[in-house]
């Protein structure tokens, strides 16, 4: 029986919030290894605060937005390389830079790590994840530093309410209330929202409590957000 592939966008804020969160990453490794009998995983690493520091410095220096994005992409690939080492994987083949290479590596690996793929305007590693989910015809899981999608920023507003289910259309409208910026903080970028709407990709937003990820993989109730046709 072929294993189901799950694409996970691993936010940079979870990999390196300030220092590398090795406790979280060890638990993440444990869960993925535990479920390798049922699943194969593609883990797309974000850039997080390190990427934002490079982006901010280039912006302050008056460097154009495209080069700001390049610096962010580079950090996502460094994070992906680091995760391959943490999983004791042979990284001699390098970090994939296109979707065909990701699919090729999946034929002989249970877990494949990558950062953002080729540069495209107004995209983050979230867009990469959504594109891969469509390409591989599977679901998309976004692991971030909040429990899911809220009606407003939960890190600023204590009365913010978690939205457990939302339609693709409504999520797309929420994502596009603000203009794209390299290194932005919204749970999924605007291009990712458009991709999951266009291709009807079932998407999960889950926080850093990895028990919720495990519950989702096991088909159990979890705390987070599901984006699909539900209105």
Protein backbone atom coordinates (compact mmCIF):
# COMPACT_ATOMS: atom_id res chain seq x y z
CA UNK A 1 0.00 0.00 0.00
CA UNK A 2 1.32 3.41 -0.91
CA UNK A 3 1.84 5.74 2.01
CA UNK A 4 -0.04 9.00 2.17
CA UNK A 5 2.14 12.08 1.77
CA UNK A 6 1.66 15.02 4.14
CA UNK A 7 3.16 18.43 3.37
CA UNK A 8 4.08 20.34 6.52
CA UNK A 9 5.04 24.00 6.57
CA UNK A 10 7.27 24.30 9.64
CA UNK A 11 7.36 27.94 10.67
CA UNK A 12 10.77 29.47 11.24
CA UNK A 13 9.45 30.88 14.52
CA UNK A 14 9.21 27.28 15.75
CA UNK A 15 12.70 26.30 14.58
CA UNK A 16 14.51 29.38 15.88
CA UNK A 17 12.23 31.55 18.04
CA UNK A 18 15.27 33.24 19.60
CA UNK A 19 17.64 30.33 20.02
CA UNK A 20 17.14 26.97 18.33
CA UNK A 21 14.25 25.20 20.09
CA UNK A 22 15.87 21.78 20.29
CA UNK A 23 13.24 20.45 22.73
CA UNK A 24 10.44 21.20 20.26
CA UNK A 25 12.42 19.85 17.30
CA UNK A 26 13.26 16.58 19.05
CA UNK A 27 9.56 16.06 19.77
CA UNK A 28 8.76 16.92 16.14
CA UNK A 29 11.30 14.32 15.00
CA UNK A 30 9.81 11.75 17.37
CA UNK A 31 6.28 12.24 16.04
CA UNK A 32 7.27 12.05 12.38
CA UNK A 33 9.31 8.89 12.97
CA UNK A 34 6.43 7.35 14.94
CA UNK A 35 4.06 7.80 11.99
CA UNK A 36 6.34 6.77 9.14
CA UNK A 37 4.51 3.47 8.73
CA UNK A 38 1.42 5.36 7.52
CA UNK A 39 2.89 8.56 6.07
CA UNK A 40 5.70 10.16 4.17
CA UNK A 41 6.41 13.78 5.00
CA UNK A 42 7.61 16.81 3.10
CA UNK A 43 8.72 19.47 5.58
CA UNK A 44 9.04 22.98 4.18
CA UNK A 45 11.06 25.14 6.57
CA UNK A 46 10.34 28.81 7.13
CA UNK A 47 12.88 31.52 7.85
CA UNK A 48 11.40 33.09 10.99
CA UNK A 49 13.09 35.85 12.96
CA UNK A 50 16.50 35.29 11.36
CA UNK A 51 15.07 35.85 7.89
CA UNK A 52 13.20 38.93 9.10
CA UNK A 53 16.45 40.40 10.47
CA UNK A 54 18.16 40.06 7.11
CA UNK A 55 15.10 41.40 5.31
CA UNK A 56 14.83 44.39 7.66
CA UNK A 57 18.51 45.24 7.23
CA UNK A 58 18.26 45.16 3.44
CA UNK A 59 15.09 47.23 3.54
CA UNK A 60 16.80 49.80 5.76
CA UNK A 61 19.67 49.93 3.29
CA UNK A 62 17.25 50.68 0.47
CA UNK A 63 17.74 47.35 -1.30
CA UNK A 64 14.89 46.29 -3.58
CA UNK A 65 12.25 43.88 -2.36
CA UNK A 66 13.33 41.04 -4.65
CA UNK A 67 16.73 40.84 -2.97
CA UNK A 68 15.07 41.04 0.43
CA UNK A 69 13.12 37.92 -0.54
CA UNK A 70 16.30 36.19 -1.74
CA UNK A 71 17.83 36.59 1.72
CA UNK A 72 14.73 35.06 3.30
CA UNK A 73 14.83 32.11 0.89
CA UNK A 74 18.48 31.48 1.80
CA UNK A 75 17.60 31.26 5.50
CA UNK A 76 14.78 28.76 4.84
CA UNK A 77 17.29 26.53 3.05
CA UNK A 78 19.79 26.76 5.91
CA UNK A 79 17.02 25.72 8.30
CA UNK A 80 16.12 22.81 6.01
CA UNK A 81 19.74 21.68 5.92
CA UNK A 82 19.92 21.84 9.71
CA UNK A 83 16.79 19.66 10.00
CA UNK A 84 18.31 17.01 7.73
CA UNK A 85 21.25 16.80 10.13
CA UNK A 86 18.95 16.65 13.16
CA UNK A 87 17.16 13.69 11.55
CA UNK A 88 20.55 12.02 10.88
CA UNK A 89 19.92 12.04 7.16
CA UNK A 90 22.50 11.89 4.40
CA UNK A 91 22.28 15.36 2.87
CA UNK A 92 24.77 14.73 0.04
CA UNK A 93 21.99 15.15 -2.51
CA UNK A 94 21.44 18.69 -1.26
CA UNK A 95 18.29 20.58 -0.43
CA UNK A 96 15.77 20.41 -3.31
CA UNK A 97 15.13 23.64 -5.19
CA UNK A 98 12.20 22.42 -7.32
CA UNK A 99 9.15 20.19 -6.95
CA UNK A 100 10.43 17.41 -9.23
CA UNK A 101 13.47 16.98 -7.00
CA UNK A 102 11.21 16.82 -3.93
CA UNK A 103 9.12 14.07 -5.54
CA UNK A 104 12.25 12.19 -6.58
CA UNK A 105 13.63 12.28 -3.03
CA UNK A 106 10.28 11.03 -1.69
CA UNK A 107 10.70 7.76 -3.57
CA UNK A 108 13.59 6.77 -1.30
CA UNK A 109 13.05 8.83 1.87
CA UNK A 110 10.34 8.89 4.51
CA UNK A 111 10.97 12.58 5.24
CA UNK A 112 12.16 15.23 2.78
CA UNK A 113 13.20 18.72 3.93
CA UNK A 114 13.29 21.83 1.82
CA UNK A 115 13.06 25.58 2.17
CA UNK A 116 11.36 27.93 -0.23
CA UNK A 117 11.87 26.71 -3.80
CA UNK A 118 12.47 29.01 -6.75
CA UNK A 119 11.87 32.74 -6.25
CA UNK A 120 8.41 34.02 -7.09
CA UNK A 121 7.00 37.42 -6.28
CA UNK A 122 4.85 37.81 -3.14
CA UNK A 123 5.50 34.35 -1.78
CA UNK A 124 6.86 32.78 1.41
CA UNK A 125 7.55 29.16 2.32
CA UNK A 126 3.78 28.86 2.88
CA UNK A 127 3.26 29.25 -0.87
CA UNK A 128 5.90 26.60 -1.51
CA UNK A 129 4.00 24.24 0.80
CA UNK A 130 0.66 24.92 -0.87
CA UNK A 131 2.17 24.38 -4.33
CA UNK A 132 3.75 21.11 -3.20
CA UNK A 133 0.47 19.92 -1.68
CA UNK A 134 -1.23 20.53 -5.04
CA UNK A 135 1.64 18.96 -6.98
CA UNK A 136 1.64 15.86 -4.77
CA UNK A 137 -2.18 15.78 -4.55
CA UNK A 138 -2.33 15.80 -0.79
CA UNK A 139 -3.27 17.85 2.27
CA UNK A 140 -1.32 20.76 3.70
CA UNK A 141 -0.45 21.27 7.39
CA UNK A 142 0.82 24.63 8.57
CA UNK A 143 2.65 24.49 11.92
CA UNK A 144 2.95 27.94 13.40
CA UNK A 145 3.39 29.73 16.73
CA UNK A 146 -0.34 30.21 17.40
CA UNK A 147 -3.00 27.53 17.87
CA UNK A 148 -4.71 28.24 14.57
CA UNK A 149 -6.54 30.99 12.75
CA UNK A 150 -8.06 33.70 14.95
CA UNK A 151 -10.47 36.53 14.24
CA UNK A 152 -7.63 38.90 15.23
CA UNK A 153 -4.01 38.63 16.32
CA UNK A 154 -3.99 36.52 19.53
CA UNK A 155 -0.53 37.80 20.43
CA UNK A 156 -1.94 41.33 20.71
CA UNK A 157 -5.55 40.78 21.75
CA UNK A 158 -6.48 38.57 24.72
CA UNK A 159 -10.08 38.32 23.52
CA UNK A 160 -9.12 36.92 20.11
CA UNK A 161 -11.22 33.86 19.22
CA UNK A 162 -10.00 30.72 17.53
CA UNK A 163 -11.77 29.87 14.26
CA UNK A 164 -11.95 26.04 14.15
CA UNK A 165 -13.34 25.81 10.60
CA UNK A 166 -13.41 28.23 7.68
CA UNK A 167 -14.10 27.95 3.96
CA UNK A 168 -11.40 28.48 1.34
CA UNK A 169 -13.22 31.57 0.10
CA UNK A 170 -13.55 33.22 3.51
CA UNK A 171 -9.94 32.46 4.38
CA UNK A 172 -8.77 33.98 1.10
CA UNK A 173 -10.64 37.19 1.94
CA UNK A 174 -9.05 37.30 5.41
CA UNK A 175 -5.54 36.74 4.06
CA UNK A 176 -5.92 39.53 1.52
CA UNK A 177 -7.02 42.23 3.95
CA UNK A 178 -3.35 43.24 4.14
CA UNK A 179 -0.71 43.73 1.47
CA UNK A 180 2.10 41.19 1.14
CA UNK A 181 5.46 42.03 2.72
CA UNK A 182 8.59 39.85 2.82
CA UNK A 183 8.83 38.21 6.24
CA UNK A 184 5.21 38.93 7.15
CA UNK A 185 3.57 37.31 10.23
CA UNK A 186 0.08 36.20 9.05
CA UNK A 187 -0.50 32.45 9.48
CA UNK A 188 -0.48 31.85 5.70
CA UNK A 189 0.60 34.21 2.96
CA UNK A 190 -1.79 35.63 0.39
CA UNK A 191 -0.47 33.52 -2.48
CA UNK A 192 -0.85 30.33 -0.43
CA UNK A 193 -4.45 31.34 0.29
CA UNK A 194 -5.07 31.76 -3.44
CA UNK A 195 -3.48 28.38 -4.25
CA UNK A 196 -5.50 26.44 -1.67
CA UNK A 197 -8.68 28.15 -2.87
CA UNK A 198 -7.97 27.53 -6.56
CA UNK A 199 -7.06 23.86 -6.09
CA UNK A 200 -9.39 23.12 -3.12
CA UNK A 201 -6.57 21.91 -0.88
CA UNK A 202 -7.66 20.79 2.57
CA UNK A 203 -5.44 22.76 4.94
CA UNK A 204 -4.77 22.51 8.66
CA UNK A 205 -3.33 25.27 10.85
CA UNK A 206 -1.88 23.91 14.08
CA UNK A 207 0.22 25.48 16.85
CA UNK A 208 3.43 24.31 18.51
CA UNK A 209 1.62 21.86 20.82
CA UNK A 210 2.70 18.81 18.87
CA UNK A 211 0.09 16.61 20.53
CA UNK A 212 -2.38 18.42 18.25
CA UNK A 213 -0.36 17.42 15.18
CA UNK A 214 -0.32 13.83 16.36
CA UNK A 215 -4.07 13.87 16.99
CA UNK A 216 -4.63 15.18 13.46
CA UNK A 217 -2.42 12.47 11.95
CA UNK A 218 -4.39 9.86 13.89
CA UNK A 219 -7.72 11.26 12.75
CA UNK A 220 -8.62 12.43 16.25
CA UNK A 221 -10.04 15.73 17.42
CA UNK A 222 -7.37 18.43 17.62
CA UNK A 223 -7.08 22.08 18.53
CA UNK A 224 -6.49 24.18 15.45
CA UNK A 225 -8.17 25.30 12.21
CA UNK A 226 -9.36 23.38 9.17
CA UNK A 227 -9.66 25.28 5.89
CA UNK A 228 -11.89 23.48 3.38
CA UNK A 229 -15.33 23.74 1.81
CA UNK A 230 -16.98 24.13 5.22
CA UNK A 231 -18.82 27.47 5.43
